[in-house]
N, C-alpha and C. Protein backbone atom coordinates (compact mmCIF):
# COMPACT_ATOMS: atom_id res chain seq x y z
N MET A 1 108.48 86.98 123.92
CA MET A 1 107.75 85.57 124.41
C MET A 1 107.75 85.49 125.97
N THR A 2 108.16 85.48 126.16
CA THR A 2 107.62 84.69 127.82
C THR A 2 106.32 85.55 128.50
N LYS A 3 106.49 87.07 128.27
CA LYS A 3 105.39 87.97 128.21
C LYS A 3 104.45 87.12 127.75
N VAL A 4 104.22 86.64 126.60
CA VAL A 4 102.76 85.84 125.68
C VAL A 4 102.50 84.68 126.68
N VAL A 5 103.43 84.05 127.17
CA VAL A 5 103.35 82.68 127.78
C VAL A 5 102.60 83.11 129.08
N SER A 6 103.24 84.06 129.83
CA SER A 6 102.63 84.26 131.27
C SER A 6 101.24 84.57 130.93
N LEU A 7 101.30 85.50 129.93
CA LEU A 7 99.20 85.90 129.16
C LEU A 7 98.23 84.93 129.20
N PHE A 8 98.89 83.62 129.05
CA PHE A 8 97.78 82.48 128.54
C PHE A 8 97.98 81.52 129.91
N VAL A 9 99.25 81.69 130.50
CA VAL A 9 99.24 81.10 132.02
C VAL A 9 98.05 81.89 132.97
N GLU A 10 98.62 83.00 132.69
CA GLU A 10 96.99 83.52 133.87
C GLU A 10 95.83 83.55 133.65
N GLU A 11 95.58 83.87 131.57
CA GLU A 11 94.06 83.12 131.40
C GLU A 11 93.67 82.05 131.47
N TYR A 12 94.66 80.53 131.37
CA TYR A 12 93.93 79.54 131.62
C TYR A 12 93.56 79.34 132.96
N GLU A 13 94.57 79.89 133.89
CA GLU A 13 94.32 79.90 135.03
C GLU A 13 92.70 80.77 135.78
N LEU A 14 92.82 82.06 135.01
CA LEU A 14 90.91 82.62 135.30
C LEU A 14 90.14 81.76 134.78
N ALA A 15 90.49 80.93 133.38
CA ALA A 15 89.71 79.69 133.14
C ALA A 15 88.72 78.84 133.75
N ARG A 16 90.33 78.56 134.07
CA ARG A 16 90.00 77.29 135.27
C ARG A 16 89.24 77.46 136.47
N ALA A 17 89.74 78.37 137.20
CA ALA A 17 88.46 79.08 138.19
C ALA A 17 87.73 79.30 138.11
N ILE A 18 87.13 79.87 136.49
CA ILE A 18 85.55 79.98 136.58
C ILE A 18 84.48 78.73 136.18
N LYS A 19 86.11 77.53 135.83
CA LYS A 19 85.46 76.20 135.17
C LYS A 19 84.60 75.79 136.53
N GLN A 20 85.94 75.83 137.74
CA GLN A 20 85.97 74.99 139.23
C GLN A 20 84.68 75.98 139.93
N GLY A 21 83.63 77.30 139.18
CA GLY A 21 82.47 77.87 140.04
C GLY A 21 83.23 78.78 141.15
N ASP A 22 84.54 79.18 140.93
CA ASP A 22 85.12 80.33 141.96
C ASP A 22 84.53 81.20 141.72
N GLN A 23 83.84 81.92 142.43
CA GLN A 23 82.68 83.31 142.75
C GLN A 23 84.03 84.15 142.25
N LYS A 24 84.62 84.27 143.36
CA LYS A 24 85.84 85.50 142.78
C LYS A 24 86.32 85.69 140.98
N ALA A 25 86.37 84.60 141.07
CA ALA A 25 86.78 84.60 139.31
C ALA A 25 86.46 84.87 138.56
N LEU A 26 84.85 84.77 138.92
CA LEU A 26 84.09 85.23 138.06
C LEU A 26 83.76 86.21 138.14
N LYS A 27 83.93 87.06 138.99
CA LYS A 27 83.07 88.61 139.46
C LYS A 27 85.09 89.36 138.70
N PHE A 28 85.90 88.54 138.78
CA PHE A 28 86.86 89.74 138.37
C PHE A 28 87.19 89.30 137.12
N PHE A 29 86.81 88.16 136.31
CA PHE A 29 86.63 87.93 134.46
C PHE A 29 85.51 89.14 134.09
N TYR A 30 84.36 89.41 134.94
CA TYR A 30 83.20 90.15 134.40
C TYR A 30 83.81 91.82 134.43
N GLU A 31 84.58 91.44 135.16
CA GLU A 31 85.20 93.27 135.60
C GLU A 31 85.96 93.69 134.55
N LYS A 32 86.96 92.26 134.26
CA LYS A 32 87.67 93.06 133.46
C LYS A 32 87.83 92.69 131.85
N TYR A 33 86.60 92.29 131.74
CA TYR A 33 86.51 92.02 130.17
C TYR A 33 85.50 92.51 129.63
N SER A 34 83.98 92.81 130.77
CA SER A 34 83.08 93.42 130.26
C SER A 34 83.26 94.74 129.23
N GLY A 35 84.11 95.73 129.76
CA GLY A 35 84.10 96.74 128.97
C GLY A 35 84.61 96.42 127.68
N LYS A 36 85.69 96.19 127.25
CA LYS A 36 86.13 95.69 125.86
C LYS A 36 84.88 94.92 124.97
N MET A 37 83.99 93.49 126.00
CA MET A 37 82.90 93.07 125.35
C MET A 37 81.64 93.76 124.42
N LEU A 38 81.56 94.55 125.34
CA LEU A 38 80.70 95.94 125.36
C LEU A 38 80.97 96.71 123.86
N ALA A 39 82.05 97.05 123.93
CA ALA A 39 82.30 97.92 123.29
C ALA A 39 82.49 96.47 121.64
N ILE A 40 82.82 95.72 121.71
CA ILE A 40 82.50 94.44 120.45
C ILE A 40 81.01 94.59 120.42
N CYS A 41 80.40 94.23 121.12
CA CYS A 41 79.09 94.56 120.86
C CYS A 41 78.21 95.68 120.71
N MET A 42 78.78 97.01 120.73
CA MET A 42 78.49 97.91 120.26
C MET A 42 78.84 97.98 118.77
N ARG A 43 79.64 97.39 118.11
CA ARG A 43 80.65 97.12 116.96
C ARG A 43 79.19 97.19 116.23
N TYR A 44 78.78 95.86 116.92
CA TYR A 44 77.76 95.41 115.58
C TYR A 44 76.29 96.37 116.08
N LEU A 45 75.31 96.09 116.85
CA LEU A 45 74.41 96.71 117.57
C LEU A 45 74.12 97.94 117.56
N SER A 46 75.16 99.12 117.57
CA SER A 46 74.75 100.14 117.66
C SER A 46 73.87 101.41 118.55
N ASP A 47 73.09 99.73 119.40
CA ASP A 47 72.33 100.98 120.68
C ASP A 47 72.63 100.34 121.76
N ARG A 48 73.30 101.28 122.25
CA ARG A 48 73.68 100.46 123.64
C ARG A 48 72.91 99.52 124.65
N MET A 49 71.85 99.44 124.35
CA MET A 49 70.87 98.60 125.71
C MET A 49 70.74 97.46 124.83
N LEU A 50 70.75 97.44 124.17
CA LEU A 50 70.82 95.97 123.24
C LEU A 50 71.99 95.52 123.24
N ALA A 51 73.21 95.97 122.72
CA ALA A 51 74.45 95.89 123.39
C ALA A 51 74.79 95.22 124.71
N GLU A 52 74.26 96.19 125.53
CA GLU A 52 74.45 95.59 126.79
C GLU A 52 73.43 94.10 127.19
N ASP A 53 72.49 93.98 126.75
CA ASP A 53 71.79 92.87 126.93
C ASP A 53 72.54 91.69 125.74
N VAL A 54 72.59 91.79 124.92
CA VAL A 54 73.53 90.89 124.33
C VAL A 54 75.12 90.32 125.22
N MET A 55 75.73 91.38 125.40
CA MET A 55 77.14 91.18 126.16
C MET A 55 76.87 90.30 127.54
N ILE A 56 75.67 90.55 128.45
CA ILE A 56 75.47 89.65 129.45
C ILE A 56 74.52 88.34 128.99
N GLU A 57 73.79 88.07 128.15
CA GLU A 57 73.84 86.98 127.61
C GLU A 57 74.98 85.97 127.20
N ALA A 58 75.81 86.75 126.60
CA ALA A 58 77.39 85.80 125.67
C ALA A 58 78.02 85.73 126.86
N PHE A 59 77.77 86.17 128.11
CA PHE A 59 78.83 86.43 129.61
C PHE A 59 77.96 84.92 130.04
N MET A 60 76.48 85.41 129.92
CA MET A 60 75.88 84.01 131.01
C MET A 60 76.46 82.48 129.83
N LYS A 61 76.23 82.51 128.51
CA LYS A 61 76.62 81.63 127.27
C LYS A 61 78.37 80.96 127.91
N ILE A 62 79.33 82.23 128.20
CA ILE A 62 80.84 81.70 128.64
C ILE A 62 80.82 81.18 129.59
N PHE A 63 80.13 81.61 130.85
CA PHE A 63 79.78 80.82 132.01
C PHE A 63 79.52 79.49 132.32
N ASP A 64 77.84 79.32 130.84
CA ASP A 64 77.60 77.55 131.35
C ASP A 64 78.74 77.07 130.14
N LYS A 65 79.25 77.63 129.52
CA LYS A 65 80.00 76.55 128.29
C LYS A 65 81.23 76.76 128.19
N ILE A 66 81.94 77.06 129.47
CA ILE A 66 82.90 77.49 130.01
C ILE A 66 83.98 75.64 129.94
N GLY A 67 83.28 74.53 129.32
CA GLY A 67 83.93 73.56 129.58
C GLY A 67 84.49 73.25 128.56
N GLN A 68 83.99 73.79 127.84
CA GLN A 68 84.00 73.58 126.13
C GLN A 68 85.75 74.48 125.44
N PHE A 69 86.13 75.50 126.35
CA PHE A 69 87.33 75.82 126.57
C PHE A 69 88.26 75.38 126.14
N SER A 70 89.01 75.04 125.26
CA SER A 70 90.41 73.18 125.11
C SER A 70 91.72 73.68 125.65
N PHE A 71 91.61 75.15 126.18
CA PHE A 71 92.67 75.69 126.44
C PHE A 71 94.03 75.91 125.50
N GLN A 72 93.03 76.08 124.45
CA GLN A 72 94.90 75.98 123.14
C GLN A 72 94.17 77.07 122.69
N GLY A 73 95.42 78.02 122.56
CA GLY A 73 94.65 79.33 122.19
C GLY A 73 94.25 80.19 123.06
N SER A 74 94.11 81.74 122.99
CA SER A 74 93.58 82.51 123.88
C SER A 74 92.54 82.64 124.53
N PHE A 75 92.67 82.56 126.15
CA PHE A 75 90.78 82.32 126.01
C PHE A 75 89.90 83.60 125.96
N GLU A 76 90.83 85.23 126.03
CA GLU A 76 89.99 86.19 125.73
C GLU A 76 89.78 85.95 124.46
N GLY A 77 90.23 85.49 123.15
CA GLY A 77 89.81 85.31 121.68
C GLY A 77 88.60 84.68 122.01
N TRP A 78 88.36 83.50 122.48
CA TRP A 78 87.52 82.81 123.21
C TRP A 78 86.16 83.33 123.09
N VAL A 79 86.86 84.05 124.48
CA VAL A 79 85.15 85.75 124.52
C VAL A 79 85.13 85.87 123.40
N LYS A 80 85.57 86.88 122.75
CA LYS A 80 85.60 87.75 121.57
C LYS A 80 84.64 87.09 120.84
N ARG A 81 84.89 85.50 120.28
CA ARG A 81 83.56 85.21 119.36
C ARG A 81 82.94 85.38 119.80
N ILE A 82 82.67 84.23 120.96
CA ILE A 82 81.16 84.26 121.63
C ILE A 82 80.72 85.55 121.44
N MET A 83 81.30 86.49 122.08
CA MET A 83 80.36 88.02 121.80
C MET A 83 80.41 88.74 119.84
N VAL A 84 81.03 88.03 119.20
CA VAL A 84 80.65 88.34 117.78
C VAL A 84 79.64 87.45 117.64
N ASN A 85 79.81 86.34 117.92
CA ASN A 85 78.48 85.27 116.68
C ASN A 85 77.14 85.62 118.08
N GLU A 86 77.34 85.92 119.59
CA GLU A 86 75.87 86.39 119.78
C GLU A 86 74.98 87.56 119.47
N SER A 87 76.37 88.80 118.69
CA SER A 87 76.21 89.64 118.36
C SER A 87 75.40 89.89 116.96
N LEU A 88 75.96 88.78 115.95
CA LEU A 88 75.61 88.50 114.83
C LEU A 88 74.15 87.26 114.99
N MET A 89 73.88 86.68 115.62
CA MET A 89 72.68 86.04 116.20
C MET A 89 71.32 87.11 116.54
N LYS A 90 71.68 87.91 117.37
CA LYS A 90 70.83 88.86 117.54
C LYS A 90 70.61 89.40 116.35
N LEU A 91 70.83 90.12 115.75
CA LEU A 91 71.08 91.04 114.44
C LEU A 91 70.27 89.96 113.31
N ARG A 92 70.61 88.99 113.41
CA ARG A 92 70.02 88.19 112.75
C ARG A 92 67.88 87.61 112.93
N SER A 93 68.32 87.74 114.47
CA SER A 93 67.06 87.74 115.07
C SER A 93 65.84 88.41 114.98
N MET A 94 66.46 89.63 115.31
CA MET A 94 65.77 91.09 114.91
C MET A 94 65.23 91.22 113.29
N LYS A 95 66.14 90.75 112.66
CA LYS A 95 66.02 91.25 111.35
C LYS A 95 67.01 92.13 110.87
N MET A 96 67.75 92.46 111.32
CA MET A 96 68.15 93.90 111.16
C MET A 96 69.52 93.99 110.46
N LEU A 97 69.90 92.65 110.22
CA LEU A 97 71.08 92.14 109.18
C LEU A 97 70.51 91.96 107.70
N GLU A 98 70.03 93.01 106.87
CA GLU A 98 69.61 93.15 105.35
C GLU A 98 70.74 93.73 105.02
N LEU A 99 71.44 92.70 103.95
CA LEU A 99 72.52 93.46 103.43
C LEU A 99 71.50 94.11 102.32
N ASP A 100 72.16 94.82 101.53
CA ASP A 100 71.62 95.56 100.25
C ASP A 100 72.45 95.40 99.19
N ILE A 101 72.34 94.73 98.59
CA ILE A 101 73.41 94.83 97.18
C ILE A 101 72.50 95.49 95.89
N GLU A 102 71.77 96.75 96.56
CA GLU A 102 71.57 97.44 94.95
C GLU A 102 72.64 98.59 95.26
N SER A 103 72.61 99.11 93.79
CA SER A 103 74.20 100.05 93.49
C SER A 103 73.35 101.61 93.76
N GLN A 104 74.46 101.97 95.11
CA GLN A 104 74.40 103.19 95.80
C GLN A 104 74.77 104.77 94.66
N ASN A 105 75.57 104.16 93.74
CA ASN A 105 76.55 104.97 93.32
C ASN A 105 77.41 105.96 94.11
N ILE A 106 77.63 104.95 95.05
CA ILE A 106 78.75 106.02 95.95
C ILE A 106 80.74 106.41 95.08
N GLN A 107 80.89 107.74 94.83
CA GLN A 107 82.24 107.62 94.58
C GLN A 107 82.86 107.23 95.63
N LEU A 108 84.28 106.44 94.99
CA LEU A 108 85.52 106.95 96.10
C LEU A 108 86.21 107.80 96.13
N PRO A 109 86.06 108.77 97.66
CA PRO A 109 87.16 109.72 97.12
C PRO A 109 88.17 109.92 97.27
N SER A 110 88.99 110.59 96.60
CA SER A 110 90.58 110.91 95.71
C SER A 110 91.40 110.83 97.30
N THR A 111 90.89 111.88 98.13
CA THR A 111 91.71 112.25 99.28
C THR A 111 91.97 110.83 100.32
N SER A 112 92.84 111.20 101.02
CA SER A 112 93.27 109.92 101.79
C SER A 112 92.93 110.16 103.32
N MET A 113 92.31 109.49 104.07
CA MET A 113 92.32 109.71 105.86
C MET A 113 93.23 110.72 105.92
N ASN A 114 92.67 111.45 107.02
CA ASN A 114 93.97 112.41 107.48
C ASN A 114 94.04 111.99 109.35
N ASP A 115 94.48 112.53 110.04
CA ASP A 115 95.01 112.43 111.49
C ASP A 115 93.68 112.62 112.03
N SER A 116 93.27 113.61 111.95
CA SER A 116 92.13 114.90 112.67
C SER A 116 91.04 113.98 113.24
N LEU A 117 91.39 113.04 112.59
CA LEU A 117 89.74 112.95 112.94
C LEU A 117 90.03 111.93 114.16
N ALA A 118 89.46 112.03 115.59
CA ALA A 118 89.57 111.01 116.52
C ALA A 118 88.88 109.59 116.40
N GLU A 119 89.46 109.03 117.49
CA GLU A 119 89.36 107.29 116.82
C GLU A 119 87.55 107.14 117.58
N LYS A 120 87.11 108.04 118.53
CA LYS A 120 85.85 107.90 119.20
C LYS A 120 85.18 108.75 117.42
N GLU A 121 85.13 109.25 116.54
CA GLU A 121 84.58 109.54 115.62
C GLU A 121 84.61 108.84 114.81
N ILE A 122 85.43 108.07 114.29
CA ILE A 122 85.62 107.25 113.16
C ILE A 122 84.89 105.47 113.91
N LEU A 123 84.56 105.64 115.15
CA LEU A 123 84.26 104.10 115.75
C LEU A 123 82.66 104.93 115.18
N ALA A 124 82.18 106.24 115.64
CA ALA A 124 81.30 106.79 115.88
C ALA A 124 80.37 106.82 114.22
N MET A 125 81.12 106.69 112.89
CA MET A 125 81.05 106.76 111.90
C MET A 125 80.64 104.88 111.57
N ILE A 126 81.81 103.87 112.31
CA ILE A 126 81.35 103.02 111.84
C ILE A 126 79.25 102.05 112.13
N MET A 127 79.63 103.18 113.91
CA MET A 127 78.17 102.10 114.28
C MET A 127 77.08 102.90 113.66
N ASP A 128 77.34 103.96 112.99
CA ASP A 128 76.02 104.75 111.78
C ASP A 128 76.06 103.96 110.85
N LEU A 129 77.25 102.88 110.28
CA LEU A 129 76.38 102.30 108.91
C LEU A 129 75.38 101.39 108.95
N PRO A 130 74.61 101.34 107.83
CA PRO A 130 73.05 101.00 107.68
C PRO A 130 74.01 98.57 108.42
N ALA A 131 73.64 98.40 109.15
CA ALA A 131 73.65 97.14 110.06
C ALA A 131 74.79 96.25 108.84
N GLY A 132 74.01 95.59 107.77
CA GLY A 132 74.60 94.89 106.97
C GLY A 132 76.34 95.17 106.18
N TYR A 133 75.91 96.39 106.20
CA TYR A 133 77.15 96.92 105.52
C TYR A 133 78.58 97.38 107.11
N ARG A 134 78.23 97.60 108.24
CA ARG A 134 78.34 97.37 109.30
C ARG A 134 79.18 96.38 109.83
N THR A 135 78.51 95.39 109.41
CA THR A 135 78.60 94.01 109.68
C THR A 135 79.70 93.40 109.38
N VAL A 136 79.75 93.89 107.91
CA VAL A 136 80.41 93.00 106.84
C VAL A 136 81.90 93.62 107.53
N PHE A 137 81.82 94.48 107.66
CA PHE A 137 83.24 95.90 108.21
C PHE A 137 83.77 95.26 109.17
N ASN A 138 82.93 95.08 109.89
CA ASN A 138 83.47 94.64 111.55
C ASN A 138 84.44 93.87 111.19
N LEU A 139 83.17 92.37 110.70
CA LEU A 139 84.10 91.38 110.71
C LEU A 139 85.17 90.84 109.85
N TYR A 140 85.49 91.84 108.66
CA TYR A 140 86.92 92.03 108.13
C TYR A 140 87.43 92.98 108.60
N ALA A 141 87.42 94.02 108.87
CA ALA A 141 88.57 95.37 109.05
C ALA A 141 88.95 94.97 110.69
N ILE A 142 88.36 94.61 111.15
CA ILE A 142 88.03 94.38 112.69
C ILE A 142 88.67 93.00 112.82
N GLU A 143 88.10 91.95 113.02
CA GLU A 143 87.71 91.59 113.83
C GLU A 143 88.56 90.10 112.77
N GLY A 144 88.97 90.45 111.21
CA GLY A 144 90.29 89.88 110.47
C GLY A 144 89.71 88.29 109.88
N PHE A 145 87.94 88.17 109.99
CA PHE A 145 88.00 86.95 109.14
C PHE A 145 88.07 87.80 107.41
N SER A 146 87.87 86.67 106.67
CA SER A 146 87.80 86.34 105.51
C SER A 146 87.10 86.73 104.57
N HIS A 147 86.54 86.76 103.64
CA HIS A 147 85.50 86.64 102.84
C HIS A 147 84.45 85.56 102.62
N ALA A 148 85.35 84.47 102.32
CA ALA A 148 84.58 83.07 102.71
C ALA A 148 84.14 82.80 103.84
N GLU A 149 84.98 83.57 105.08
CA GLU A 149 84.12 82.94 106.81
C GLU A 149 83.24 84.30 106.89
N ILE A 150 83.09 85.38 106.05
CA ILE A 150 82.00 86.47 106.23
C ILE A 150 81.09 85.48 105.68
N ALA A 151 81.41 84.99 104.44
CA ALA A 151 79.90 84.49 103.92
C ALA A 151 79.55 83.40 104.00
N GLU A 152 80.44 82.32 105.46
CA GLU A 152 79.52 81.21 105.91
C GLU A 152 78.89 81.77 107.08
N LYS A 153 79.78 82.94 107.92
CA LYS A 153 78.97 83.13 108.78
C LYS A 153 77.30 83.71 108.77
N LEU A 154 77.00 84.44 107.66
CA LEU A 154 76.25 85.39 107.21
C LEU A 154 75.39 84.67 106.24
N GLY A 155 75.48 83.61 105.32
CA GLY A 155 74.96 83.26 104.64
C GLY A 155 74.49 83.83 103.51
N ILE A 156 75.60 84.89 103.30
CA ILE A 156 75.70 85.01 101.93
C ILE A 156 77.22 85.10 100.54
N SER A 157 77.21 85.31 99.77
CA SER A 157 78.01 84.76 98.81
C SER A 157 78.97 85.55 99.01
N GLU A 158 80.25 85.14 98.91
CA GLU A 158 81.63 86.09 98.59
C GLU A 158 81.41 87.08 98.12
N GLY A 159 81.21 87.33 97.29
CA GLY A 159 80.42 88.44 96.22
C GLY A 159 79.96 89.54 96.46
N THR A 160 78.98 88.98 97.87
CA THR A 160 77.94 89.97 98.73
C THR A 160 79.06 90.48 99.42
N SER A 161 79.66 89.59 100.18
CA SER A 161 80.34 90.17 101.58
C SER A 161 81.14 91.68 100.79
N LYS A 162 82.39 91.20 99.64
CA LYS A 162 83.41 92.41 99.07
C LYS A 162 82.14 93.34 98.59
N SER A 163 81.53 93.22 97.82
CA SER A 163 80.78 94.61 97.84
C SER A 163 79.91 95.00 99.18
N GLN A 164 79.32 94.83 100.19
CA GLN A 164 79.25 95.49 101.40
C GLN A 164 80.60 95.97 102.16
N LEU A 165 81.81 95.32 101.73
CA LEU A 165 82.75 95.60 102.53
C LEU A 165 83.13 97.19 101.32
N SER A 166 83.14 96.80 100.09
CA SER A 166 83.33 98.07 99.17
C SER A 166 82.60 99.03 99.47
N ARG A 167 81.33 98.82 99.63
CA ARG A 167 80.00 100.30 99.78
C ARG A 167 80.53 100.78 101.19
N ALA A 168 80.55 99.85 102.66
CA ALA A 168 81.07 100.32 103.78
C ALA A 168 82.26 101.54 103.97
N ARG A 169 83.88 101.17 103.01
CA ARG A 169 84.55 101.60 103.44
C ARG A 169 83.94 103.42 102.85
N ALA A 170 83.54 103.11 101.05
CA ALA A 170 83.12 104.52 100.32
C ALA A 170 82.01 104.91 101.05
N ILE A 171 81.28 104.63 102.08
CA ILE A 171 80.44 105.78 103.00
C ILE A 171 81.33 106.47 103.55
N LEU A 172 82.21 105.36 104.94
CA LEU A 172 83.44 106.06 106.03
C LEU A 172 84.10 106.89 105.26
N GLN A 173 84.69 106.48 103.74
CA GLN A 173 85.56 107.66 103.46
C GLN A 173 84.90 108.87 102.78
N SER A 174 83.89 108.83 102.29
CA SER A 174 83.23 110.19 102.20
C SER A 174 82.55 111.00 103.15
N ARG A 175 82.28 110.32 104.55
CA ARG A 175 81.95 110.74 105.86
C ARG A 175 83.17 111.47 106.34
N ILE A 176 84.39 110.45 106.01
CA ILE A 176 85.65 111.46 106.50
C ILE A 176 85.97 112.68 106.09
N ASN A 177 85.99 112.22 104.69
CA ASN A 177 86.48 113.43 103.73
C ASN A 177 85.08 115.17 104.55
N GLU A 178 84.43 114.21 105.05
CA GLU A 178 83.32 115.93 105.20
C GLU A 178 83.40 116.17 106.33
N SER A 179 83.91 115.36 107.24
CA SER A 179 84.11 115.76 108.62
C SER A 179 85.16 116.62 108.69
N GLU A 180 86.54 115.91 107.31
CA GLU A 180 88.02 116.60 107.85
C GLU A 180 87.82 118.16 106.70
N LYS A 181 86.46 118.82 106.20
CA LYS A 181 86.58 119.77 105.68
C LYS A 181 86.59 120.53 106.50
N GLY A 182 84.96 119.83 107.24
CA GLY A 182 84.40 120.78 108.57
C GLY A 182 85.63 121.16 108.96
N ILE A 183 86.30 120.28 109.70
CA ILE A 183 87.51 120.85 110.73
C ILE A 183 88.79 121.90 110.05
N LYS A 184 88.64 121.58 108.69
CA LYS A 184 89.42 122.31 108.07
C LYS A 184 88.96 124.03 107.88
N GLN A 185 87.53 123.62 107.54
CA GLN A 185 87.09 125.27 107.36
C GLN A 185 86.80 126.08 108.88
N ASN A 186 87.10 125.00 109.60
CA ASN A 186 87.50 125.69 111.30
C ASN A 186 88.49 126.75 111.17
N PHE A 187 89.49 125.94 110.74
CA PHE A 187 90.85 126.52 111.38
C PHE A 187 91.10 127.35 110.13
N ASP A 188 90.55 127.51 109.07
CA ASP A 188 90.51 128.90 108.12
C ASP A 188 90.44 129.92 108.53
């Protein structure tokens, strides 16, 4: 418990220093969080240059809106929410967030995921999903939003959110199974 408290104290001190315009704090903050935040933007946008642009825009928004941070909860969590929201806004503005509600006749494979796939491979599979599927999958499975929250954020119905998640999972499971078959064949 004391570790969590000290983490918040450190985060709050950093947020206060940024709020006061401390240039060293701004630099430290960017260096500490830019890698994590770029990874978040990449999960939604999949194009590195676009993700970097969105991350920079989000950091500028954070620096501009730091006065709105209420010092309740995690500063990093507040920063992540801004990154996710900026990524979603970019998807919407580019009309990349087209949620396909047509049936694709994807069958869920019966085998389960094997530990043989590296995390990078799975993340690459997620990034390769169509934008709508990827967005709903990220919001639900990674960010922890409910279907009601996703529906509100994206302006869709809860049913569409559930459908998009189901299809994303089916595609991922299929790709994982294909990859595992390839790994198994290499060892046979």
